Amino acid sequence: MHGLSAIDILMVEDNPRDAELALRALRKQNLANRVFVVEDGVKALDFLFCRGEYAGREMSRPKVVLLDLKLPKINGLEVLAEIKKDERMRCIPVVVVSSSAEDPDVRRAFDLGANSYVVKPVEFDAFMQAMTQIGMYWLVVNKIC
């Protein structure tokens, strides 16, 4: 793992299989060099706000947060709300990557400030392709503040 102050992607994913598949897709495009993965909402917020076990981390913002909704401890919508209400973090793009295609989840995520909402494809190749496209867009094409 690289220094925690130089992260391009913060991936918040409690499913180890999904996290590994996403990392594999990003690696194929050489986009996984500076990815940090946490498995729950508390760790995501602690990482971003340099508190708890990340209290010594230099405050820096990732280029994008890939955020699952169904997380232990604090769910993804609560994490999203905390990110978007903080002046220092608000401009970080947050891409919700969830297995939920439920309209209330999608609507609530956008109401809270999500920049994109991607439903996780169940099929392996489709999932890999989706992660590749997300990485290419948010790390290569998109400009951040």
C-alpha atoms as a PDB file:
ATOM      1  CA  MET A   1       0.000   0.000   0.000  1.00  0.00           C
ATOM      2  CA  HIS A   2       1.234   3.453  -0.840  1.00  0.00           C
ATOM      3  CA  GLY A   3       1.343   6.307   1.634  1.00  0.00           C
ATOM      4  CA  LEU A   4      -2.165   7.049   2.802  1.00  0.00           C
ATOM      5  CA  SER A   5      -1.821  10.698   1.822  1.00  0.00           C
ATOM      6  CA  ALA A   6      -1.558   9.887  -1.906  1.00  0.00           C
ATOM      7  CA  ILE A   7      -4.801   8.069  -2.692  1.00  0.00           C
ATOM      8  CA  ASP A   8      -6.606   8.391  -6.023  1.00  0.00           C
ATOM      9  CA  ILE A   9      -9.552   6.127  -5.209  1.00  0.00           C
ATOM     10  CA  LEU A  10     -11.190   5.373  -1.888  1.00  0.00           C
ATOM     11  CA  MET A  11     -13.231   2.213  -2.401  1.00  0.00           C
ATOM     12  CA  VAL A  12     -15.831   1.554   0.278  1.00  0.00           C
ATOM     13  CA  GLU A  13     -16.919  -2.047  -0.244  1.00  0.00           C
ATOM     14  CA  ASP A  14     -17.761  -4.721   2.320  1.00  0.00           C
ATOM     15  CA  ASN A  15     -17.864  -7.606  -0.172  1.00  0.00           C
ATOM     16  CA  PRO A  16     -14.275  -8.879  -0.619  1.00  0.00           C
ATOM     17  CA  ARG A  17     -15.138 -10.506  -3.953  1.00  0.00           C
ATOM     18  CA  ASP A  18     -16.548  -7.276  -5.413  1.00  0.00           C
ATOM     19  CA  ALA A  19     -13.594  -5.281  -4.096  1.00  0.00           C
ATOM     20  CA  GLU A  20     -11.114  -7.722  -5.654  1.00  0.00           C
ATOM     21  CA  LEU A  21     -12.935  -7.736  -9.005  1.00  0.00           C
ATOM     22  CA  ALA A  22     -12.984  -3.936  -9.055  1.00  0.00           C
ATOM     23  CA  LEU A  23      -9.275  -3.797  -8.231  1.00  0.00           C
ATOM     24  CA  ARG A  24      -8.522  -6.342 -10.940  1.00  0.00           C
ATOM     25  CA  ALA A  25     -10.400  -4.259 -13.524  1.00  0.00           C
ATOM     26  CA  LEU A  26      -8.589  -1.093 -12.436  1.00  0.00           C
ATOM     27  CA  ARG A  27      -5.215  -2.878 -12.530  1.00  0.00           C
ATOM     28  CA  LYS A  28      -5.815  -3.932 -16.142  1.00  0.00           C
ATOM     29  CA  GLN A  29      -5.963  -0.230 -17.016  1.00  0.00           C
ATOM     30  CA  ASN A  30      -3.054   0.715 -14.702  1.00  0.00           C
ATOM     31  CA  LEU A  31      -5.460   2.669 -12.505  1.00  0.00           C
ATOM     32  CA  ALA A  32      -5.105   0.692  -9.281  1.00  0.00           C
ATOM     33  CA  ASN A  33      -1.767   2.008  -8.066  1.00  0.00           C
ATOM     34  CA  ARG A  34      -3.272   4.328  -5.467  1.00  0.00           C
ATOM     35  CA  VAL A  35      -6.495   2.681  -4.318  1.00  0.00           C
ATOM     36  CA  PHE A  36      -7.372   2.286  -0.677  1.00  0.00           C
ATOM     37  CA  VAL A  37     -10.180  -0.093   0.307  1.00  0.00           C
ATOM     38  CA  VAL A  38     -12.220   0.073   3.504  1.00  0.00           C
ATOM     39  CA  GLU A  39     -15.044  -2.281   4.349  1.00  0.00           C
ATOM     40  CA  ASP A  40     -17.464  -0.144   6.348  1.00  0.00           C
ATOM     41  CA  GLY A  41     -18.873   3.348   6.578  1.00  0.00           C
ATOM     42  CA  VAL A  42     -17.114   4.256   9.825  1.00  0.00           C
ATOM     43  CA  LYS A  43     -13.691   3.477   8.339  1.00  0.00           C
ATOM     44  CA  ALA A  44     -14.555   5.471   5.212  1.00  0.00           C
ATOM     45  CA  LEU A  45     -15.379   8.580   7.231  1.00  0.00           C
ATOM     46  CA  ASP A  46     -12.424   8.066   9.568  1.00  0.00           C
ATOM     47  CA  PHE A  47     -10.132   7.820   6.536  1.00  0.00           C
ATOM     48  CA  LEU A  48     -11.522  10.920   4.839  1.00  0.00           C
ATOM     49  CA  PHE A  49     -11.575  13.038   7.985  1.00  0.00           C
ATOM     50  CA  CYS A  50      -8.260  11.699   9.398  1.00  0.00           C
ATOM     51  CA  ARG A  51      -9.651  10.391  12.653  1.00  0.00           C
ATOM     52  CA  GLY A  52      -9.717   7.102  14.544  1.00  0.00           C
ATOM     53  CA  GLU A  53      -7.093   4.704  13.202  1.00  0.00           C
ATOM     54  CA  TYR A  54      -6.288   7.246  10.442  1.00  0.00           C
ATOM     55  CA  ALA A  55      -5.746  10.179  12.820  1.00  0.00           C
ATOM     56  CA  GLY A  56      -2.095  10.513  11.784  1.00  0.00           C
ATOM     57  CA  ARG A  57      -2.865  10.590   8.073  1.00  0.00           C
ATOM     58  CA  GLU A  58      -2.150  13.807   6.219  1.00  0.00           C
ATOM     59  CA  MET A  59      -5.453  15.341   5.096  1.00  0.00           C
ATOM     60  CA  SER A  60      -5.767  14.855   1.358  1.00  0.00           C
ATOM     61  CA  ARG A  61      -8.741  14.105  -0.803  1.00  0.00           C
ATOM     62  CA  PRO A  62      -9.027  11.139  -3.129  1.00  0.00           C
ATOM     63  CA  LYS A  63      -9.900  11.881  -6.760  1.00  0.00           C
ATOM     64  CA  VAL A  64     -13.037   9.742  -6.415  1.00  0.00           C
ATOM     65  CA  VAL A  65     -14.902   7.664  -3.841  1.00  0.00           C
ATOM     66  CA  LEU A  66     -16.475   4.412  -5.018  1.00  0.00           C
ATOM     67  CA  LEU A  67     -19.212   3.834  -2.460  1.00  0.00           C
ATOM     68  CA  ASP A  68     -21.384   0.799  -1.844  1.00  0.00           C
ATOM     69  CA  LEU A  69     -24.713   1.474  -0.124  1.00  0.00           C
ATOM     70  CA  LYS A  70     -25.187  -1.682   1.926  1.00  0.00           C
ATOM     71  CA  LEU A  71     -22.378  -1.277   4.441  1.00  0.00           C
ATOM     72  CA  PRO A  72     -21.904  -2.338   8.063  1.00  0.00           C
ATOM     73  CA  LYS A  73     -21.851   0.205  10.902  1.00  0.00           C
ATOM     74  CA  ILE A  74     -22.851   3.259   8.821  1.00  0.00           C
ATOM     75  CA  ASN A  75     -24.591   2.757   5.485  1.00  0.00           C
ATOM     76  CA  GLY A  76     -23.443   4.327   2.239  1.00  0.00           C
ATOM     77  CA  LEU A  77     -26.161   6.980   2.162  1.00  0.00           C
ATOM     78  CA  GLU A  78     -25.047   8.247   5.567  1.00  0.00           C
ATOM     79  CA  VAL A  79     -21.416   8.296   4.393  1.00  0.00           C
ATOM     80  CA  LEU A  80     -22.459  10.223   1.286  1.00  0.00           C
ATOM     81  CA  ALA A  81     -24.392  12.759   3.366  1.00  0.00           C
ATOM     82  CA  GLU A  82     -21.369  13.352   5.644  1.00  0.00           C
ATOM     83  CA  ILE A  83     -19.040  13.835   2.682  1.00  0.00           C
ATOM     84  CA  LYS A  84     -21.311  16.264   0.866  1.00  0.00           C
ATOM     85  CA  LYS A  85     -22.151  18.397   3.894  1.00  0.00           C
ATOM     86  CA  ASP A  86     -18.481  19.069   4.714  1.00  0.00           C
ATOM     87  CA  GLU A  87     -16.965  22.062   2.925  1.00  0.00           C
ATOM     88  CA  ARG A  88     -13.549  20.372   2.597  1.00  0.00           C
ATOM     89  CA  MET A  89     -14.922  17.152   1.101  1.00  0.00           C
ATOM     90  CA  ARG A  90     -17.973  18.272  -0.863  1.00  0.00           C
ATOM     91  CA  CYS A  91     -16.265  18.476  -4.258  1.00  0.00           C
ATOM     92  CA  ILE A  92     -14.915  14.898  -4.120  1.00  0.00           C
ATOM     93  CA  PRO A  93     -16.814  12.943  -6.772  1.00  0.00           C
ATOM     94  CA  VAL A  94     -18.759  10.101  -5.189  1.00  0.00           C
ATOM     95  CA  VAL A  95     -19.815   7.230  -7.418  1.00  0.00           C
ATOM     96  CA  VAL A  96     -22.344   4.949  -5.792  1.00  0.00           C
ATOM     97  CA  VAL A  97     -21.661   1.388  -6.920  1.00  0.00           C
ATOM     98  CA  SER A  98     -24.486  -0.725  -5.568  1.00  0.00           C
ATOM     99  CA  SER A  99     -26.388  -3.903  -6.272  1.00  0.00           C
ATOM    100  CA  SER A 100     -29.575  -1.950  -5.562  1.00  0.00           C
ATOM    101  CA  ALA A 101     -31.464  -0.664  -8.586  1.00  0.00           C
ATOM    102  CA  GLU A 102     -34.357   0.393  -6.344  1.00  0.00           C
ATOM    103  CA  ASP A 103     -35.686   3.803  -7.321  1.00  0.00           C
ATOM    104  CA  PRO A 104     -35.741   5.143  -3.728  1.00  0.00           C
ATOM    105  CA  ASP A 105     -32.030   4.298  -3.296  1.00  0.00           C
ATOM    106  CA  VAL A 106     -31.101   5.934  -6.597  1.00  0.00           C
ATOM    107  CA  ARG A 107     -33.206   9.031  -5.917  1.00  0.00           C
ATOM    108  CA  ARG A 108     -31.913   9.401  -2.348  1.00  0.00           C
ATOM    109  CA  ALA A 109     -28.285   9.046  -3.474  1.00  0.00           C
ATOM    110  CA  PHE A 110     -28.680  11.831  -6.021  1.00  0.00           C
ATOM    111  CA  ASP A 111     -30.603  13.985  -3.523  1.00  0.00           C
ATOM    112  CA  LEU A 112     -27.622  13.655  -1.163  1.00  0.00           C
ATOM    113  CA  GLY A 113     -25.151  14.709  -3.863  1.00  0.00           C
ATOM    114  CA  ALA A 114     -23.937  11.526  -5.562  1.00  0.00           C
ATOM    115  CA  ASN A 115     -22.126  12.311  -8.799  1.00  0.00           C
ATOM    116  CA  SER A 116     -23.031   9.000 -10.410  1.00  0.00           C
ATOM    117  CA  TYR A 117     -24.951   5.820  -9.601  1.00  0.00           C
ATOM    118  CA  VAL A 118     -23.877   2.503 -11.106  1.00  0.00           C
ATOM    119  CA  VAL A 119     -25.749  -0.738 -10.525  1.00  0.00           C
ATOM    120  CA  LYS A 120     -23.255  -3.571 -10.056  1.00  0.00           C
ATOM    121  CA  PRO A 121     -23.653  -6.032 -12.902  1.00  0.00           C
ATOM    122  CA  VAL A 122     -23.967  -9.594 -11.643  1.00  0.00           C
ATOM    123  CA  GLU A 123     -22.130 -11.141 -14.609  1.00  0.00           C
ATOM    124  CA  PHE A 124     -18.328 -11.177 -14.234  1.00  0.00           C
ATOM    125  CA  ASP A 125     -17.343  -9.634 -17.590  1.00  0.00           C
ATOM    126  CA  ALA A 126     -19.989  -6.911 -17.312  1.00  0.00           C
ATOM    127  CA  PHE A 127     -18.800  -6.059 -13.787  1.00  0.00           C
ATOM    128  CA  MET A 128     -15.179  -5.849 -14.955  1.00  0.00           C
ATOM    129  CA  GLN A 129     -16.169  -3.627 -17.887  1.00  0.00           C
ATOM    130  CA  ALA A 130     -18.207  -1.315 -15.638  1.00  0.00           C
ATOM    131  CA  MET A 131     -15.293  -0.900 -13.202  1.00  0.00           C
ATOM    132  CA  THR A 132     -12.897  -0.200 -16.070  1.00  0.00           C
ATOM    133  CA  GLN A 133     -15.185   2.487 -17.466  1.00  0.00           C
ATOM    134  CA  ILE A 134     -15.678   4.073 -14.035  1.00  0.00           C
ATOM    135  CA  GLY A 135     -11.927   4.204 -13.441  1.00  0.00           C
ATOM    136  CA  MET A 136     -11.129   5.621 -16.863  1.00  0.00           C
ATOM    137  CA  TYR A 137     -13.753   8.336 -16.618  1.00  0.00           C
ATOM    138  CA  TRP A 138     -13.219   9.500 -13.048  1.00  0.00           C
ATOM    139  CA  LEU A 139      -9.400   9.279 -13.035  1.00  0.00           C
ATOM    140  CA  VAL A 140      -8.493  10.159 -16.614  1.00  0.00           C
ATOM    141  CA  VAL A 141     -11.312  12.163 -18.211  1.00  0.00           C
ATOM    142  CA  ASN A 142     -12.966  14.024 -15.327  1.00  0.00           C
ATOM    143  CA  LYS A 143     -11.448  17.190 -13.887  1.00  0.00           C
ATOM    144  CA  ILE A 144     -11.901  17.806 -10.171  1.00  0.00           C
ATOM    145  CA  CYS A 145     -11.844  20.953  -8.068  1.00  0.00           C
END
